[in-house]
Amino acid sequence: MVQGIFLFKDVMLNVKFCFCILKLTWYMHRLQQEKQDLEEQRLRKFCSVMEAVNCSLGGIYKQLTAGQGDAYLTYTEVTLLLFAEGVHFHVRCASA
């Protein structure tokens, strides 16, 4: 009888352990999805801001240089490359 009680406790511990693992797996999946959603949101916001800056940059540069030349930004929209390569600022002076 005593051996049966210990066996029952072992089974219950295993069930609780499996339940905890299942619960942790679910939370980990949920957090990974939230992280991915935030990264996508960050990329969309970044690209939107860069587009707005790029639209204004040429005009600002022309005002500073009395209409001579152009300026613009380039960047990739591939998330893995964007934050590794950054944004490139290009200035094209007017030809003489």
N, C-alpha and C. Protein backbone atom coordinates (compact mmCIF):
# COMPACT_ATOMS: atom_id res chain seq x y z
N MET A 1 0.82 -1.20 0.00
CA MET A 1 0.00 0.00 0.00
C MET A 1 0.86 1.26 0.00
N VAL A 2 1.92 1.27 0.81
CA VAL A 2 2.79 2.43 0.89
C VAL A 2 3.48 2.67 -0.45
N GLN A 3 3.89 1.60 -1.10
CA GLN A 3 4.55 1.72 -2.40
C GLN A 3 3.59 2.32 -3.43
N GLY A 4 2.33 1.98 -3.39
CA GLY A 4 1.31 2.52 -4.28
C GLY A 4 1.13 4.02 -4.09
N ILE A 5 1.25 4.49 -2.85
CA ILE A 5 1.12 5.92 -2.56
C ILE A 5 2.29 6.69 -3.16
N PHE A 6 3.50 6.13 -3.00
CA PHE A 6 4.67 6.79 -3.59
C PHE A 6 4.59 6.82 -5.11
N LEU A 7 4.10 5.73 -5.71
CA LEU A 7 3.94 5.67 -7.16
C LEU A 7 2.92 6.72 -7.62
N PHE A 8 1.83 6.85 -6.89
CA PHE A 8 0.81 7.84 -7.22
C PHE A 8 1.39 9.26 -7.14
N LYS A 9 2.20 9.54 -6.10
CA LYS A 9 2.83 10.85 -5.96
C LYS A 9 3.78 11.12 -7.12
N ASP A 10 4.54 10.10 -7.54
CA ASP A 10 5.45 10.26 -8.68
C ASP A 10 4.68 10.58 -9.96
N VAL A 11 3.58 9.88 -10.15
CA VAL A 11 2.75 10.13 -11.34
C VAL A 11 2.20 11.55 -11.30
N MET A 12 1.74 11.96 -10.15
CA MET A 12 1.18 13.32 -10.01
C MET A 12 2.26 14.38 -10.25
N LEU A 13 3.48 14.13 -9.76
CA LEU A 13 4.58 15.06 -10.01
C LEU A 13 4.90 15.14 -11.50
N ASN A 14 4.88 14.02 -12.17
CA ASN A 14 5.14 14.00 -13.61
C ASN A 14 4.04 14.75 -14.37
N VAL A 15 2.81 14.57 -13.96
CA VAL A 15 1.70 15.27 -14.61
C VAL A 15 1.84 16.78 -14.40
N LYS A 16 2.16 17.18 -13.17
CA LYS A 16 2.34 18.61 -12.88
C LYS A 16 3.52 19.17 -13.68
N PHE A 17 4.59 18.40 -13.77
CA PHE A 17 5.77 18.83 -14.53
C PHE A 17 5.42 19.01 -16.01
N CYS A 18 4.72 18.05 -16.57
CA CYS A 18 4.31 18.13 -17.98
C CYS A 18 3.39 19.33 -18.21
N PHE A 19 2.50 19.57 -17.28
CA PHE A 19 1.59 20.71 -17.39
C PHE A 19 2.39 22.02 -17.37
N CYS A 20 3.39 22.09 -16.48
CA CYS A 20 4.22 23.30 -16.39
C CYS A 20 5.00 23.52 -17.69
N ILE A 21 5.54 22.46 -18.25
CA ILE A 21 6.27 22.56 -19.52
C ILE A 21 5.34 23.03 -20.62
N LEU A 22 4.16 22.48 -20.67
CA LEU A 22 3.18 22.88 -21.69
C LEU A 22 2.81 24.35 -21.54
N LYS A 23 2.60 24.78 -20.31
CA LYS A 23 2.25 26.17 -20.02
C LYS A 23 3.41 27.11 -20.41
N LEU A 24 4.64 26.74 -20.06
CA LEU A 24 5.81 27.55 -20.43
C LEU A 24 5.98 27.63 -21.94
N THR A 25 5.74 26.54 -22.63
CA THR A 25 5.84 26.51 -24.09
C THR A 25 4.81 27.46 -24.70
N TRP A 26 3.61 27.45 -24.16
CA TRP A 26 2.56 28.35 -24.67
C TRP A 26 2.95 29.81 -24.44
N TYR A 27 3.46 30.14 -23.25
CA TYR A 27 3.88 31.51 -22.95
C TYR A 27 5.04 31.93 -23.85
N MET A 28 5.99 31.02 -24.09
CA MET A 28 7.13 31.33 -24.94
C MET A 28 6.66 31.62 -26.37
N HIS A 29 5.75 30.81 -26.87
CA HIS A 29 5.22 31.04 -28.22
C HIS A 29 4.51 32.39 -28.28
N ARG A 30 3.73 32.69 -27.28
CA ARG A 30 3.00 33.96 -27.22
C ARG A 30 3.97 35.15 -27.19
N LEU A 31 5.02 35.07 -26.40
CA LEU A 31 6.02 36.14 -26.33
C LEU A 31 6.78 36.29 -27.64
N GLN A 32 7.09 35.18 -28.29
CA GLN A 32 7.76 35.25 -29.59
C GLN A 32 6.87 35.95 -30.61
N GLN A 33 5.58 35.68 -30.59
CA GLN A 33 4.64 36.33 -31.51
C GLN A 33 4.55 37.82 -31.22
N GLU A 34 4.49 38.19 -29.94
CA GLU A 34 4.45 39.60 -29.56
C GLU A 34 5.72 40.32 -30.00
N LYS A 35 6.86 39.66 -29.85
CA LYS A 35 8.14 40.24 -30.27
C LYS A 35 8.15 40.46 -31.78
N GLN A 36 7.68 39.47 -32.51
CA GLN A 36 7.63 39.60 -33.97
C GLN A 36 6.69 40.73 -34.39
N ASP A 37 5.55 40.84 -33.73
CA ASP A 37 4.60 41.92 -34.03
C ASP A 37 5.23 43.29 -33.75
N LEU A 38 5.95 43.41 -32.64
CA LEU A 38 6.61 44.68 -32.31
C LEU A 38 7.71 45.02 -33.31
N GLU A 39 8.46 44.01 -33.75
CA GLU A 39 9.51 44.26 -34.74
C GLU A 39 8.90 44.73 -36.07
N GLU A 40 7.79 44.12 -36.47
CA GLU A 40 7.12 44.55 -37.70
C GLU A 40 6.58 45.97 -37.57
N GLN A 41 6.01 46.28 -36.40
CA GLN A 41 5.50 47.62 -36.14
C GLN A 41 6.64 48.64 -36.17
N ARG A 42 7.77 48.29 -35.57
CA ARG A 42 8.94 49.18 -35.57
C ARG A 42 9.43 49.43 -37.00
N LEU A 43 9.47 48.39 -37.82
CA LEU A 43 9.91 48.54 -39.20
C LEU A 43 8.95 49.43 -39.99
N ARG A 44 7.65 49.20 -39.84
CA ARG A 44 6.66 50.03 -40.55
C ARG A 44 6.78 51.50 -40.15
N LYS A 45 6.92 51.75 -38.85
CA LYS A 45 7.04 53.12 -38.36
C LYS A 45 8.33 53.76 -38.87
N PHE A 46 9.42 53.02 -38.82
CA PHE A 46 10.71 53.53 -39.29
C PHE A 46 10.63 53.89 -40.78
N CYS A 47 10.09 52.98 -41.59
CA CYS A 47 9.99 53.23 -43.03
C CYS A 47 9.07 54.41 -43.33
N SER A 48 8.02 54.56 -42.57
CA SER A 48 7.11 55.68 -42.74
C SER A 48 7.81 57.00 -42.44
N VAL A 49 8.58 57.04 -41.36
CA VAL A 49 9.32 58.25 -41.01
C VAL A 49 10.40 58.54 -42.04
N MET A 50 11.11 57.51 -42.49
CA MET A 50 12.16 57.71 -43.49
C MET A 50 11.59 58.22 -44.81
N GLU A 51 10.41 57.75 -45.17
CA GLU A 51 9.76 58.24 -46.38
C GLU A 51 9.42 59.72 -46.25
N ALA A 52 8.90 60.12 -45.10
CA ALA A 52 8.57 61.53 -44.86
C ALA A 52 9.82 62.40 -44.90
N VAL A 53 10.89 61.93 -44.26
CA VAL A 53 12.15 62.68 -44.26
C VAL A 53 12.69 62.79 -45.68
N ASN A 54 12.65 61.67 -46.40
CA ASN A 54 13.16 61.66 -47.77
C ASN A 54 12.39 62.62 -48.68
N CYS A 55 11.10 62.74 -48.47
CA CYS A 55 10.28 63.66 -49.28
C CYS A 55 10.68 65.12 -49.04
N SER A 56 11.09 65.43 -47.86
CA SER A 56 11.45 66.81 -47.51
C SER A 56 12.92 67.13 -47.74
N LEU A 57 13.76 66.12 -47.72
CA LEU A 57 15.20 66.33 -47.73
C LEU A 57 15.70 67.06 -48.98
N GLY A 58 15.21 66.66 -50.14
CA GLY A 58 15.64 67.31 -51.38
C GLY A 58 15.33 68.80 -51.39
N GLY A 59 14.12 69.15 -50.96
CA GLY A 59 13.72 70.55 -50.92
C GLY A 59 14.55 71.36 -49.93
N ILE A 60 14.81 70.78 -48.78
CA ILE A 60 15.63 71.47 -47.77
C ILE A 60 17.04 71.69 -48.30
N TYR A 61 17.60 70.67 -48.94
CA TYR A 61 18.96 70.80 -49.47
C TYR A 61 19.02 71.87 -50.55
N LYS A 62 18.00 71.92 -51.40
CA LYS A 62 17.97 72.95 -52.46
C LYS A 62 17.86 74.34 -51.86
N GLN A 63 17.12 74.49 -50.76
CA GLN A 63 17.04 75.80 -50.10
C GLN A 63 18.40 76.20 -49.53
N LEU A 64 19.12 75.24 -48.99
CA LEU A 64 20.43 75.53 -48.41
C LEU A 64 21.48 75.85 -49.46
N THR A 65 21.31 75.31 -50.66
CA THR A 65 22.34 75.46 -51.70
C THR A 65 21.86 76.31 -52.88
N ALA A 66 20.82 77.09 -52.67
CA ALA A 66 20.25 77.94 -53.73
C ALA A 66 19.90 77.14 -54.97
N GLY A 67 19.27 76.00 -54.75
CA GLY A 67 18.78 75.19 -55.88
C GLY A 67 19.82 74.33 -56.55
N GLN A 68 20.96 74.20 -55.95
CA GLN A 68 22.05 73.42 -56.56
C GLN A 68 22.12 72.02 -55.94
N GLY A 69 21.95 71.01 -56.74
CA GLY A 69 22.14 69.63 -56.28
C GLY A 69 20.90 69.01 -55.66
N ASP A 70 21.13 67.86 -55.05
CA ASP A 70 20.04 67.08 -54.49
C ASP A 70 20.56 66.25 -53.31
N ALA A 71 19.68 65.85 -52.43
CA ALA A 71 20.04 65.00 -51.30
C ALA A 71 18.90 64.01 -51.06
N TYR A 72 19.27 62.79 -50.69
CA TYR A 72 18.26 61.77 -50.42
C TYR A 72 18.86 60.68 -49.53
N LEU A 73 17.98 59.87 -48.97
CA LEU A 73 18.37 58.75 -48.11
C LEU A 73 18.06 57.44 -48.82
N THR A 74 18.90 56.44 -48.61
CA THR A 74 18.58 55.09 -49.07
C THR A 74 18.72 54.14 -47.89
N TYR A 75 17.93 53.09 -47.92
CA TYR A 75 17.95 52.06 -46.88
C TYR A 75 17.19 50.86 -47.40
N THR A 76 17.45 49.73 -46.81
CA THR A 76 16.73 48.52 -47.19
C THR A 76 15.52 48.35 -46.28
N GLU A 77 14.49 47.72 -46.79
CA GLU A 77 13.32 47.45 -45.96
C GLU A 77 13.34 46.02 -45.42
N VAL A 78 14.46 45.34 -45.61
CA VAL A 78 14.64 43.99 -45.06
C VAL A 78 15.10 44.15 -43.61
N THR A 79 14.28 43.70 -42.69
CA THR A 79 14.52 43.93 -41.27
C THR A 79 15.91 43.50 -40.82
N LEU A 80 16.33 42.31 -41.22
CA LEU A 80 17.62 41.81 -40.76
C LEU A 80 18.78 42.66 -41.25
N LEU A 81 18.63 43.28 -42.43
CA LEU A 81 19.71 44.09 -42.98
C LEU A 81 19.61 45.55 -42.55
N LEU A 82 18.40 46.04 -42.36
CA LEU A 82 18.19 47.46 -42.09
C LEU A 82 18.98 47.95 -40.89
N PHE A 83 18.86 47.27 -39.78
CA PHE A 83 19.51 47.74 -38.56
C PHE A 83 20.99 47.37 -38.52
N ALA A 84 21.41 46.52 -39.45
CA ALA A 84 22.84 46.20 -39.56
C ALA A 84 23.54 47.19 -40.50
N GLU A 85 22.88 47.52 -41.61
CA GLU A 85 23.48 48.40 -42.62
C GLU A 85 23.19 49.87 -42.37
N GLY A 86 22.06 50.17 -41.76
CA GLY A 86 21.71 51.55 -41.46
C GLY A 86 21.14 52.30 -42.64
N VAL A 87 21.16 53.62 -42.52
CA VAL A 87 20.63 54.53 -43.54
C VAL A 87 21.80 55.24 -44.18
N HIS A 88 21.74 55.37 -45.50
CA HIS A 88 22.81 56.05 -46.23
C HIS A 88 22.30 57.42 -46.71
N PHE A 89 23.09 58.44 -46.45
CA PHE A 89 22.75 59.81 -46.82
C PHE A 89 23.54 60.16 -48.07
N HIS A 90 22.85 60.52 -49.15
CA HIS A 90 23.50 60.83 -50.41
C HIS A 90 23.31 62.31 -50.75
N VAL A 91 24.36 62.93 -51.18
CA VAL A 91 24.30 64.32 -51.63
C VAL A 91 24.91 64.37 -53.02
N ARG A 92 24.18 64.98 -53.92
CA ARG A 92 24.67 65.12 -55.29
C ARG A 92 24.78 66.61 -55.58
N CYS A 93 26.00 67.06 -55.68
CA CYS A 93 26.25 68.49 -55.97
C CYS A 93 25.91 68.78 -57.43
N ALA A 94 25.54 70.01 -57.69
CA ALA A 94 25.25 70.40 -59.07
C ALA A 94 26.54 70.39 -59.88
N SER A 95 26.44 69.93 -61.11
CA SER A 95 27.63 69.89 -61.97
C SER A 95 27.94 71.31 -62.44
N ALA A 96 29.21 71.59 -62.55
CA ALA A 96 29.65 72.94 -62.91
C ALA A 96 29.60 73.17 -64.39
